[in-house]
C-alpha cells in the first residue's frame, strides 16, 4: 500500500511479545515494517469493550482499513468508522476455510488450490461480501510456508487493486462453507 502511493494514517498490530532465549519483547514484523516507514503504530491488547480504542480509530478518519491476519475481532463501531469500510485480505477462496488457519487447513485437507479473497468485513467470521478473488495451485511440493508466501504477495497486490475499485460486492455462497480452527501447539 505504501509503495502504491497510499497514505497510511496508522498501523495496528499485535503488541510486542517475549521471544528468543532472553524472552525480550519483540515487535511483530508488521510493526517493524511500519516503524521503518515512520508510520504510527497502535497495539491495543483488546478491542472488546474498549471505547478509547474505538474513538482513537474513528479519529483517524481513514477512507478504508485493510486487515490481514490481525488476530482481534473488530467490533461493529470500528467496522463502520472508515468511509469505505474495512477490507479483509483473507488467505483462502471463501467460503472455504473461514477462520484462523486457512493456509494450514487447505494443505492438511489436500486441496488442489487456495487463493486470496478480498472481502468487505462485517460482524460475522469471514462472512462478508467478496470484492476480489484469485487462486493459486497447491501441488505435492507446496508447504504451509510456501503457500503463505505466495498468498502474502498475492494479497498485497489484490489489496492495492481493491482500493483502486470500484468492485462489485458479491455475497458468499451458502454452499461450500468450511471452517479453519485456530491451531494449537499440541
N, C-alpha and C. Protein backbone atom coordinates (compact mmCIF):
# COMPACT_ATOMS: atom_id res chain seq x y z
N UNK A 1 0.83 -1.19 0.00
CA UNK A 1 0.00 0.00 0.00
C UNK A 1 0.87 1.25 0.00
N UNK A 2 1.92 1.23 0.80
CA UNK A 2 2.83 2.38 0.85
C UNK A 2 3.51 2.57 -0.50
N UNK A 3 4.02 1.49 -1.08
CA UNK A 3 4.72 1.58 -2.37
C UNK A 3 3.77 2.03 -3.48
N UNK A 4 2.47 1.74 -3.34
CA UNK A 4 1.49 2.14 -4.35
C UNK A 4 1.06 3.59 -4.19
N UNK A 5 1.60 4.27 -3.18
CA UNK A 5 1.32 5.68 -3.01
C UNK A 5 0.15 6.02 -2.10
N UNK A 6 -0.39 5.03 -1.40
CA UNK A 6 -1.50 5.31 -0.48
C UNK A 6 -0.97 5.93 0.80
N UNK A 7 -1.71 6.90 1.31
CA UNK A 7 -1.37 7.49 2.60
C UNK A 7 -1.84 6.53 3.69
N UNK A 8 -0.95 6.12 4.53
CA UNK A 8 -1.29 5.22 5.63
C UNK A 8 -1.30 6.04 6.91
N UNK A 9 -2.48 6.20 7.50
CA UNK A 9 -2.62 7.08 8.66
C UNK A 9 -2.24 6.39 9.96
N UNK A 10 -2.28 5.05 9.98
CA UNK A 10 -1.89 4.31 11.18
C UNK A 10 -1.79 2.83 10.83
N UNK A 11 -1.05 2.13 11.66
CA UNK A 11 -0.91 0.68 11.55
C UNK A 11 -1.28 0.08 12.89
N UNK A 12 -2.12 -0.94 12.85
CA UNK A 12 -2.48 -1.67 14.06
C UNK A 12 -1.84 -3.04 13.99
N UNK A 13 -1.23 -3.45 15.08
CA UNK A 13 -0.51 -4.72 15.12
C UNK A 13 -0.67 -5.32 16.51
N UNK A 14 -0.39 -6.61 16.60
CA UNK A 14 -0.34 -7.24 17.91
C UNK A 14 0.78 -6.59 18.72
N UNK A 15 0.64 -6.53 20.04
CA UNK A 15 1.69 -5.92 20.86
C UNK A 15 2.97 -6.75 20.82
N UNK A 16 4.12 -6.12 21.12
CA UNK A 16 5.37 -6.89 21.19
C UNK A 16 5.21 -8.06 22.17
N UNK A 17 5.83 -9.19 21.82
CA UNK A 17 5.73 -10.41 22.64
C UNK A 17 7.14 -10.88 23.02
N UNK A 18 7.24 -11.59 24.15
CA UNK A 18 8.55 -12.15 24.51
C UNK A 18 9.00 -13.17 23.47
N UNK A 19 10.28 -13.11 23.11
CA UNK A 19 10.81 -14.04 22.10
C UNK A 19 12.29 -14.27 22.34
N UNK A 20 12.77 -15.39 21.81
CA UNK A 20 14.19 -15.71 21.91
C UNK A 20 14.56 -16.22 23.29
N UNK A 21 15.84 -16.49 23.45
CA UNK A 21 16.33 -17.05 24.72
C UNK A 21 16.09 -16.15 25.90
N UNK A 22 16.35 -14.86 25.73
CA UNK A 22 16.19 -13.92 26.83
C UNK A 22 14.77 -13.46 27.04
N UNK A 23 13.87 -13.91 26.17
CA UNK A 23 12.45 -13.54 26.24
C UNK A 23 12.25 -12.02 26.24
N UNK A 24 13.13 -11.34 25.50
CA UNK A 24 12.96 -9.89 25.33
C UNK A 24 11.75 -9.63 24.45
N UNK A 25 11.11 -8.50 24.68
CA UNK A 25 9.95 -8.15 23.87
C UNK A 25 10.39 -7.89 22.44
N UNK A 26 9.66 -8.50 21.49
CA UNK A 26 9.97 -8.33 20.08
C UNK A 26 8.71 -7.86 19.36
N UNK A 27 8.87 -6.79 18.59
CA UNK A 27 7.75 -6.26 17.81
C UNK A 27 7.43 -7.22 16.67
N UNK A 28 6.17 -7.24 16.27
CA UNK A 28 5.75 -8.07 15.14
C UNK A 28 6.41 -7.56 13.86
N UNK A 29 6.51 -8.42 12.84
CA UNK A 29 7.04 -7.95 11.55
C UNK A 29 6.24 -6.76 10.99
N UNK A 30 4.94 -6.74 11.23
CA UNK A 30 4.12 -5.62 10.78
C UNK A 30 4.56 -4.33 11.47
N UNK A 31 4.75 -4.38 12.77
CA UNK A 31 5.19 -3.19 13.49
C UNK A 31 6.58 -2.77 13.04
N UNK A 32 7.48 -3.73 12.85
CA UNK A 32 8.83 -3.40 12.40
C UNK A 32 8.81 -2.69 11.05
N UNK A 33 8.00 -3.20 10.11
CA UNK A 33 7.90 -2.58 8.79
C UNK A 33 7.31 -1.17 8.91
N UNK A 34 6.29 -1.01 9.75
CA UNK A 34 5.67 0.30 9.93
C UNK A 34 6.67 1.30 10.51
N UNK A 35 7.47 0.86 11.46
CA UNK A 35 8.45 1.75 12.07
C UNK A 35 9.53 2.15 11.07
N UNK A 36 9.91 1.23 10.19
CA UNK A 36 10.88 1.58 9.15
C UNK A 36 10.34 2.66 8.22
N UNK A 37 9.03 2.71 8.05
CA UNK A 37 8.38 3.72 7.20
C UNK A 37 7.95 4.95 8.01
N UNK A 38 8.30 4.95 9.30
CA UNK A 38 7.96 6.05 10.21
C UNK A 38 6.45 6.26 10.30
N UNK A 39 5.71 5.15 10.36
CA UNK A 39 4.26 5.20 10.48
C UNK A 39 3.86 4.99 11.94
N UNK A 40 2.81 5.67 12.40
CA UNK A 40 2.36 5.46 13.79
C UNK A 40 1.78 4.05 13.95
N UNK A 41 2.14 3.41 15.06
CA UNK A 41 1.70 2.04 15.33
C UNK A 41 0.88 2.01 16.62
N UNK A 42 -0.24 1.30 16.55
CA UNK A 42 -1.09 1.09 17.72
C UNK A 42 -1.17 -0.41 17.96
N UNK A 43 -1.16 -0.82 19.22
CA UNK A 43 -1.36 -2.24 19.50
C UNK A 43 -2.14 -2.43 20.80
N UNK A 44 -3.46 -2.14 20.71
CA UNK A 44 -4.30 -2.38 21.89
C UNK A 44 -4.35 -3.88 22.21
N UNK A 45 -4.38 -4.20 23.49
CA UNK A 45 -4.45 -5.60 23.90
C UNK A 45 -5.78 -6.22 23.56
N UNK A 46 -6.83 -5.40 23.57
CA UNK A 46 -8.18 -5.88 23.27
C UNK A 46 -8.96 -4.75 22.62
N UNK A 47 -9.91 -5.13 21.79
CA UNK A 47 -10.82 -4.15 21.20
C UNK A 47 -12.23 -4.30 21.76
N UNK A 48 -12.44 -5.36 22.53
CA UNK A 48 -13.74 -5.61 23.13
C UNK A 48 -13.91 -4.67 24.33
N UNK A 49 -15.04 -3.98 24.37
CA UNK A 49 -15.33 -3.06 25.47
C UNK A 49 -14.20 -2.06 25.69
N UNK A 50 -13.70 -1.48 24.60
CA UNK A 50 -12.57 -0.56 24.67
C UNK A 50 -12.92 0.74 23.92
N UNK A 51 -13.82 1.56 24.49
CA UNK A 51 -14.26 2.77 23.80
C UNK A 51 -13.11 3.72 23.45
N UNK A 52 -12.06 3.76 24.26
CA UNK A 52 -10.92 4.63 23.95
C UNK A 52 -10.27 4.22 22.63
N UNK A 53 -10.09 2.90 22.42
CA UNK A 53 -9.51 2.41 21.17
C UNK A 53 -10.45 2.69 20.00
N UNK A 54 -11.74 2.54 20.21
CA UNK A 54 -12.71 2.81 19.15
C UNK A 54 -12.65 4.27 18.72
N UNK A 55 -12.61 5.17 19.73
CA UNK A 55 -12.58 6.60 19.44
C UNK A 55 -11.28 6.98 18.72
N UNK A 56 -10.17 6.41 19.16
CA UNK A 56 -8.89 6.71 18.51
C UNK A 56 -8.91 6.25 17.06
N UNK A 57 -9.51 5.10 16.81
CA UNK A 57 -9.60 4.59 15.44
C UNK A 57 -10.49 5.49 14.59
N UNK A 58 -11.63 5.88 15.11
CA UNK A 58 -12.55 6.75 14.37
C UNK A 58 -11.91 8.12 14.11
N UNK A 59 -11.11 8.61 15.05
CA UNK A 59 -10.47 9.91 14.91
C UNK A 59 -9.45 9.94 13.77
N UNK A 60 -9.01 8.78 13.30
CA UNK A 60 -8.08 8.73 12.17
C UNK A 60 -8.74 9.19 10.88
N UNK A 61 -10.07 9.10 10.82
CA UNK A 61 -10.85 9.49 9.64
C UNK A 61 -10.31 8.83 8.36
N UNK A 62 -10.01 7.54 8.48
CA UNK A 62 -9.49 6.77 7.35
C UNK A 62 -10.57 6.57 6.30
N UNK A 63 -10.15 6.55 5.05
CA UNK A 63 -11.08 6.21 3.97
C UNK A 63 -11.42 4.73 4.02
N UNK A 64 -10.42 3.89 4.31
CA UNK A 64 -10.62 2.44 4.37
C UNK A 64 -9.62 1.86 5.36
N UNK A 65 -9.93 0.69 5.85
CA UNK A 65 -8.99 -0.07 6.68
C UNK A 65 -8.74 -1.40 5.97
N UNK A 66 -7.49 -1.78 5.90
CA UNK A 66 -7.11 -3.06 5.30
C UNK A 66 -6.65 -3.95 6.45
N UNK A 67 -7.25 -5.13 6.56
CA UNK A 67 -6.97 -6.04 7.66
C UNK A 67 -6.42 -7.35 7.11
N UNK A 68 -5.32 -7.81 7.70
CA UNK A 68 -4.73 -9.10 7.30
C UNK A 68 -4.23 -9.82 8.54
N UNK A 69 -4.82 -10.95 8.86
CA UNK A 69 -4.36 -11.82 9.95
C UNK A 69 -4.09 -11.03 11.23
N UNK A 70 -5.00 -10.15 11.59
CA UNK A 70 -4.80 -9.28 12.76
C UNK A 70 -4.94 -10.03 14.07
N UNK A 71 -5.87 -10.95 14.16
CA UNK A 71 -6.00 -11.75 15.37
C UNK A 71 -6.97 -11.21 16.40
N UNK A 72 -7.50 -10.02 16.20
CA UNK A 72 -8.53 -9.48 17.09
C UNK A 72 -9.78 -9.23 16.27
N UNK A 73 -10.93 -9.45 16.88
CA UNK A 73 -12.20 -9.20 16.20
C UNK A 73 -12.52 -7.73 16.32
N UNK A 74 -12.79 -7.10 15.20
CA UNK A 74 -13.14 -5.68 15.19
C UNK A 74 -14.63 -5.54 15.51
N UNK A 75 -14.96 -4.74 16.53
CA UNK A 75 -16.37 -4.53 16.83
C UNK A 75 -17.03 -3.68 15.74
N UNK A 76 -18.35 -3.73 15.69
CA UNK A 76 -19.09 -3.04 14.64
C UNK A 76 -18.75 -1.56 14.58
N UNK A 77 -18.55 -0.92 15.71
CA UNK A 77 -18.25 0.51 15.72
C UNK A 77 -16.95 0.79 14.95
N UNK A 78 -15.99 -0.13 14.97
CA UNK A 78 -14.75 0.05 14.20
C UNK A 78 -14.96 -0.31 12.73
N UNK A 79 -15.77 -1.34 12.47
CA UNK A 79 -16.07 -1.70 11.08
C UNK A 79 -16.75 -0.55 10.35
N UNK A 80 -17.53 0.23 11.08
CA UNK A 80 -18.29 1.33 10.48
C UNK A 80 -17.50 2.64 10.39
N UNK A 81 -16.36 2.73 11.04
CA UNK A 81 -15.63 4.01 11.13
C UNK A 81 -15.04 4.48 9.80
N UNK A 82 -14.31 3.66 9.03
CA UNK A 82 -13.77 4.18 7.77
C UNK A 82 -14.89 4.43 6.75
N UNK A 83 -14.71 5.47 5.97
CA UNK A 83 -15.72 5.88 4.99
C UNK A 83 -16.10 4.73 4.05
N UNK A 84 -15.10 3.95 3.61
CA UNK A 84 -15.35 2.83 2.69
C UNK A 84 -15.38 1.49 3.41
N UNK A 85 -15.34 1.51 4.72
CA UNK A 85 -15.41 0.28 5.50
C UNK A 85 -14.05 -0.38 5.66
N UNK A 86 -14.09 -1.60 6.17
CA UNK A 86 -12.90 -2.39 6.42
C UNK A 86 -12.84 -3.55 5.43
N UNK A 87 -11.70 -3.73 4.80
CA UNK A 87 -11.50 -4.81 3.85
C UNK A 87 -10.53 -5.81 4.45
N UNK A 88 -10.86 -7.08 4.32
CA UNK A 88 -10.02 -8.15 4.85
C UNK A 88 -9.32 -8.86 3.70
N UNK A 89 -8.02 -9.06 3.86
CA UNK A 89 -7.25 -9.90 2.94
C UNK A 89 -7.28 -11.29 3.56
N UNK A 90 -8.12 -12.16 3.03
CA UNK A 90 -8.28 -13.49 3.62
C UNK A 90 -7.57 -14.53 2.75
N UNK A 91 -6.78 -15.37 3.40
CA UNK A 91 -5.93 -16.34 2.70
C UNK A 91 -6.65 -17.64 2.38
N UNK A 92 -7.78 -17.51 1.69
CA UNK A 92 -8.48 -18.68 1.16
C UNK A 92 -9.46 -18.20 0.10
N UNK A 93 -10.01 -19.16 -0.62
CA UNK A 93 -11.06 -18.86 -1.58
C UNK A 93 -12.40 -19.02 -0.87
N UNK A 94 -12.81 -17.96 -0.21
CA UNK A 94 -14.05 -18.03 0.55
C UNK A 94 -15.20 -18.47 -0.34
N UNK A 95 -16.14 -19.26 0.22
CA UNK A 95 -16.40 -19.50 1.63
C UNK A 95 -15.61 -20.68 2.23
N UNK A 96 -14.71 -21.26 1.45
CA UNK A 96 -13.90 -22.36 2.01
C UNK A 96 -12.85 -21.78 2.95
N UNK A 97 -12.72 -22.38 4.09
CA UNK A 97 -11.72 -22.08 5.12
C UNK A 97 -11.86 -20.69 5.72
N UNK A 98 -13.09 -20.42 6.20
CA UNK A 98 -13.27 -19.26 7.06
C UNK A 98 -12.53 -19.55 8.37
N UNK A 99 -12.01 -18.52 8.99
CA UNK A 99 -11.43 -18.71 10.31
C UNK A 99 -9.93 -18.50 10.38
N UNK A 100 -9.33 -19.06 11.44
CA UNK A 100 -7.98 -18.69 11.87
C UNK A 100 -6.82 -19.35 11.13
N UNK A 101 -7.01 -20.50 10.54
CA UNK A 101 -5.86 -21.21 9.94
C UNK A 101 -6.16 -21.69 8.52
N UNK A 102 -6.56 -20.81 7.62
CA UNK A 102 -6.96 -21.25 6.28
C UNK A 102 -5.82 -21.86 5.47
N UNK A 103 -4.62 -21.38 5.63
CA UNK A 103 -3.48 -21.90 4.85
C UNK A 103 -3.18 -23.33 5.26
N UNK A 104 -3.01 -23.55 6.54
CA UNK A 104 -2.69 -24.88 7.04
C UNK A 104 -3.84 -25.85 6.77
N UNK A 105 -5.07 -25.37 6.90
CA UNK A 105 -6.22 -26.24 6.67
C UNK A 105 -6.29 -26.70 5.22
N UNK A 106 -5.99 -25.81 4.27
CA UNK A 106 -6.01 -26.18 2.85
C UNK A 106 -4.96 -27.24 2.55
N UNK A 107 -3.76 -27.09 3.11
CA UNK A 107 -2.69 -28.07 2.88
C UNK A 107 -3.05 -29.40 3.54
N UNK A 108 -3.51 -29.36 4.79
CA UNK A 108 -3.87 -30.59 5.50
C UNK A 108 -5.02 -31.34 4.84
N UNK A 109 -5.95 -30.60 4.24
CA UNK A 109 -7.11 -31.24 3.61
C UNK A 109 -6.78 -31.79 2.23
N UNK A 110 -5.60 -31.50 1.70
CA UNK A 110 -5.24 -31.97 0.37
C UNK A 110 -5.89 -31.18 -0.75
N UNK A 111 -6.27 -29.93 -0.47
CA UNK A 111 -6.87 -29.09 -1.51
C UNK A 111 -5.89 -28.93 -2.67
N UNK A 112 -6.42 -28.78 -3.87
CA UNK A 112 -5.57 -28.60 -5.05
C UNK A 112 -5.38 -27.13 -5.39
N UNK A 113 -6.12 -26.26 -4.71
CA UNK A 113 -5.93 -24.83 -4.90
C UNK A 113 -6.32 -24.08 -3.64
N UNK A 114 -5.74 -22.91 -3.53
CA UNK A 114 -6.11 -21.97 -2.49
C UNK A 114 -6.14 -20.62 -3.17
N UNK A 115 -6.07 -19.56 -2.41
CA UNK A 115 -6.07 -18.25 -3.02
C UNK A 115 -6.30 -17.18 -1.99
N UNK A 116 -6.61 -16.01 -2.48
CA UNK A 116 -6.88 -14.86 -1.62
C UNK A 116 -8.23 -14.29 -2.01
N UNK A 117 -9.00 -13.94 -1.00
CA UNK A 117 -10.27 -13.25 -1.18
C UNK A 117 -10.17 -11.91 -0.46
N UNK A 118 -10.48 -10.85 -1.17
CA UNK A 118 -10.63 -9.54 -0.53
C UNK A 118 -12.12 -9.39 -0.28
N UNK A 119 -12.47 -9.24 0.99
CA UNK A 119 -13.88 -9.16 1.34
C UNK A 119 -14.17 -7.93 2.18
N UNK A 120 -15.41 -7.46 2.07
CA UNK A 120 -15.89 -6.37 2.92
C UNK A 120 -16.20 -6.99 4.27
N UNK A 121 -15.59 -6.47 5.32
CA UNK A 121 -15.79 -7.06 6.64
C UNK A 121 -17.16 -6.70 7.20
N UNK A 122 -17.73 -7.67 7.90
CA UNK A 122 -18.95 -7.47 8.67
C UNK A 122 -18.80 -8.24 9.97
N UNK A 123 -19.81 -8.22 10.80
CA UNK A 123 -19.69 -8.78 12.15
C UNK A 123 -19.41 -10.28 12.17
N UNK A 124 -19.85 -11.05 11.19
CA UNK A 124 -19.63 -12.50 11.19
C UNK A 124 -18.18 -12.86 10.90
N UNK A 125 -17.81 -14.09 11.18
CA UNK A 125 -16.45 -14.57 10.96
C UNK A 125 -16.23 -14.85 9.48
N UNK A 126 -15.57 -13.95 8.79
CA UNK A 126 -15.23 -14.09 7.37
C UNK A 126 -16.46 -14.33 6.50
N UNK A 127 -17.54 -13.62 6.80
CA UNK A 127 -18.81 -13.83 6.10
C UNK A 127 -19.16 -12.74 5.11
N UNK A 128 -18.40 -11.67 5.07
CA UNK A 128 -18.77 -10.51 4.26
C UNK A 128 -18.73 -10.76 2.76
N UNK A 129 -19.31 -9.85 2.00
CA UNK A 129 -19.31 -9.98 0.55
C UNK A 129 -17.90 -9.86 -0.02
N UNK A 130 -17.67 -10.59 -1.11
CA UNK A 130 -16.36 -10.67 -1.74
C UNK A 130 -16.22 -9.60 -2.82
N UNK A 131 -15.06 -8.95 -2.85
CA UNK A 131 -14.77 -7.94 -3.86
C UNK A 131 -13.83 -8.50 -4.93
N UNK A 132 -12.83 -9.25 -4.53
CA UNK A 132 -11.85 -9.84 -5.45
C UNK A 132 -11.46 -11.22 -4.95
N UNK A 133 -11.17 -12.13 -5.88
CA UNK A 133 -10.70 -13.49 -5.54
C UNK A 133 -9.72 -13.91 -6.61
N UNK A 134 -8.63 -14.52 -6.19
CA UNK A 134 -7.69 -15.07 -7.16
C UNK A 134 -7.08 -16.33 -6.57
N UNK A 135 -6.95 -17.36 -7.40
CA UNK A 135 -6.47 -18.65 -6.91
C UNK A 135 -5.01 -18.89 -7.25
N UNK A 136 -4.42 -19.80 -6.49
CA UNK A 136 -3.07 -20.32 -6.75
C UNK A 136 -3.14 -21.83 -6.58
N UNK A 137 -2.35 -22.59 -7.34
CA UNK A 137 -2.39 -24.05 -7.20
C UNK A 137 -1.66 -24.52 -5.94
N UNK A 138 -2.12 -25.63 -5.42
CA UNK A 138 -1.40 -26.34 -4.35
C UNK A 138 -0.92 -27.64 -4.97
N UNK A 139 0.38 -27.84 -4.98
CA UNK A 139 0.97 -29.04 -5.58
C UNK A 139 1.48 -29.97 -4.48
N UNK A 140 2.02 -31.09 -4.89
CA UNK A 140 2.60 -32.04 -3.93
C UNK A 140 3.79 -31.45 -3.20
N UNK A 141 4.38 -30.39 -3.75
CA UNK A 141 5.56 -29.77 -3.14
C UNK A 141 5.21 -28.54 -2.31
N UNK A 142 3.95 -28.16 -2.28
CA UNK A 142 3.52 -26.97 -1.54
C UNK A 142 3.51 -27.28 -0.05
N UNK A 143 4.10 -26.38 0.72
CA UNK A 143 4.03 -26.46 2.18
C UNK A 143 3.22 -25.26 2.68
N UNK A 144 2.88 -25.28 3.95
CA UNK A 144 2.17 -24.14 4.51
C UNK A 144 3.02 -22.87 4.38
N UNK A 145 4.33 -23.01 4.51
CA UNK A 145 5.21 -21.84 4.39
C UNK A 145 5.24 -21.30 2.97
N UNK A 146 5.40 -22.16 1.98
CA UNK A 146 5.45 -21.67 0.60
C UNK A 146 4.09 -21.11 0.17
N UNK A 147 3.01 -21.73 0.64
CA UNK A 147 1.68 -21.21 0.32
C UNK A 147 1.47 -19.86 0.99
N UNK A 148 1.89 -19.74 2.24
CA UNK A 148 1.80 -18.46 2.95
C UNK A 148 2.50 -17.36 2.17
N UNK A 149 3.71 -17.64 1.71
CA UNK A 149 4.49 -16.63 1.00
C UNK A 149 3.82 -16.23 -0.32
N UNK A 150 3.29 -17.21 -1.05
CA UNK A 150 2.60 -16.91 -2.31
C UNK A 150 1.34 -16.10 -2.06
N UNK A 151 0.59 -16.48 -1.04
CA UNK A 151 -0.66 -15.77 -0.74
C UNK A 151 -0.39 -14.38 -0.18
N UNK A 152 0.70 -14.21 0.55
CA UNK A 152 1.05 -12.89 1.06
C UNK A 152 1.30 -11.91 -0.08
N UNK A 153 2.09 -12.35 -1.05
CA UNK A 153 2.38 -11.48 -2.20
C UNK A 153 1.09 -11.18 -2.98
N UNK A 154 0.29 -12.20 -3.20
CA UNK A 154 -0.96 -12.01 -3.93
C UNK A 154 -1.90 -11.09 -3.15
N UNK A 155 -1.96 -11.26 -1.84
CA UNK A 155 -2.83 -10.42 -1.01
C UNK A 155 -2.48 -8.95 -1.11
N UNK A 156 -1.18 -8.65 -1.13
CA UNK A 156 -0.76 -7.26 -1.27
C UNK A 156 -1.20 -6.67 -2.60
N UNK A 157 -1.02 -7.45 -3.66
CA UNK A 157 -1.43 -7.00 -5.00
C UNK A 157 -2.93 -6.76 -5.06
N UNK A 158 -3.71 -7.70 -4.52
CA UNK A 158 -5.17 -7.57 -4.56
C UNK A 158 -5.66 -6.43 -3.66
N UNK A 159 -4.97 -6.16 -2.55
CA UNK A 159 -5.38 -5.05 -1.69
C UNK A 159 -5.26 -3.73 -2.44
N UNK A 160 -4.17 -3.56 -3.18
CA UNK A 160 -3.99 -2.35 -3.97
C UNK A 160 -5.09 -2.26 -5.04
N UNK A 161 -5.40 -3.38 -5.70
CA UNK A 161 -6.47 -3.39 -6.70
C UNK A 161 -7.82 -3.04 -6.06
N UNK A 162 -8.05 -3.56 -4.86
CA UNK A 162 -9.33 -3.30 -4.19
C UNK A 162 -9.51 -1.81 -3.91
N UNK A 163 -8.44 -1.15 -3.50
CA UNK A 163 -8.54 0.28 -3.22
C UNK A 163 -8.70 1.10 -4.49
N UNK A 164 -8.27 0.56 -5.62
CA UNK A 164 -8.43 1.25 -6.90
C UNK A 164 -9.87 1.19 -7.36
N UNK A 165 -10.66 0.21 -6.84
CA UNK A 165 -12.07 -0.05 -7.10
C UNK A 165 -12.69 0.82 -8.17
N UNK A 166 -13.97 0.86 -8.30
CA UNK A 166 -14.92 0.08 -7.51
C UNK A 166 -15.02 -1.37 -7.99
N UNK A 167 -15.40 -2.22 -7.09
CA UNK A 167 -15.60 -3.64 -7.41
C UNK A 167 -16.97 -4.05 -6.88
N UNK A 168 -17.65 -4.88 -7.64
CA UNK A 168 -18.96 -5.37 -7.21
C UNK A 168 -18.79 -6.26 -5.99
N UNK A 169 -19.60 -6.03 -4.99
CA UNK A 169 -19.59 -6.86 -3.78
C UNK A 169 -20.50 -8.06 -4.02
N UNK A 170 -19.92 -9.25 -4.06
CA UNK A 170 -20.66 -10.47 -4.36
C UNK A 170 -20.86 -11.24 -3.05
N UNK A 171 -22.11 -11.51 -2.68
CA UNK A 171 -22.33 -12.30 -1.46
C UNK A 171 -21.67 -13.67 -1.57
N UNK A 172 -21.19 -14.17 -0.46
CA UNK A 172 -20.60 -15.51 -0.45
C UNK A 172 -21.70 -16.55 -0.60
N UNK A 173 -21.42 -17.60 -1.37
CA UNK A 173 -22.43 -18.66 -1.48
C UNK A 173 -22.61 -19.38 -0.14
N UNK A 174 -23.82 -19.88 0.05
CA UNK A 174 -24.11 -20.64 1.28
C UNK A 174 -23.46 -22.02 1.23
N UNK A 175 -23.34 -22.59 0.04
CA UNK A 175 -22.75 -23.92 -0.11
C UNK A 175 -21.23 -23.83 -0.05
N UNK A 176 -20.61 -24.86 0.49
CA UNK A 176 -19.15 -24.94 0.49
C UNK A 176 -18.47 -24.25 1.66
N UNK A 177 -19.23 -23.82 2.65
CA UNK A 177 -18.64 -23.16 3.81
C UNK A 177 -17.90 -24.19 4.66
N UNK A 178 -16.63 -23.93 4.94
CA UNK A 178 -15.85 -24.75 5.86
C UNK A 178 -15.12 -23.82 6.81
N UNK A 179 -14.76 -24.33 7.97
CA UNK A 179 -14.10 -23.53 8.99
C UNK A 179 -12.71 -24.07 9.28
N UNK A 180 -11.77 -23.15 9.40
CA UNK A 180 -10.38 -23.47 9.72
C UNK A 180 -10.15 -23.07 11.18
N UNK A 181 -10.07 -24.05 12.08
CA UNK A 181 -9.95 -23.71 13.50
C UNK A 181 -8.57 -23.14 13.83
N UNK A 182 -8.51 -22.46 14.97
CA UNK A 182 -7.22 -21.97 15.47
C UNK A 182 -6.33 -23.17 15.78
N UNK A 183 -5.11 -23.15 15.30
CA UNK A 183 -4.20 -24.26 15.54
C UNK A 183 -3.63 -24.18 16.95
N UNK A 184 -3.42 -25.32 17.54
CA UNK A 184 -2.84 -25.40 18.89
C UNK A 184 -1.51 -26.13 18.80
N UNK A 185 -0.62 -25.87 19.71
CA UNK A 185 0.73 -26.45 19.66
C UNK A 185 0.72 -27.97 19.80
N UNK A 186 -0.26 -28.51 20.50
CA UNK A 186 -0.28 -29.97 20.66
C UNK A 186 -0.68 -30.64 19.36
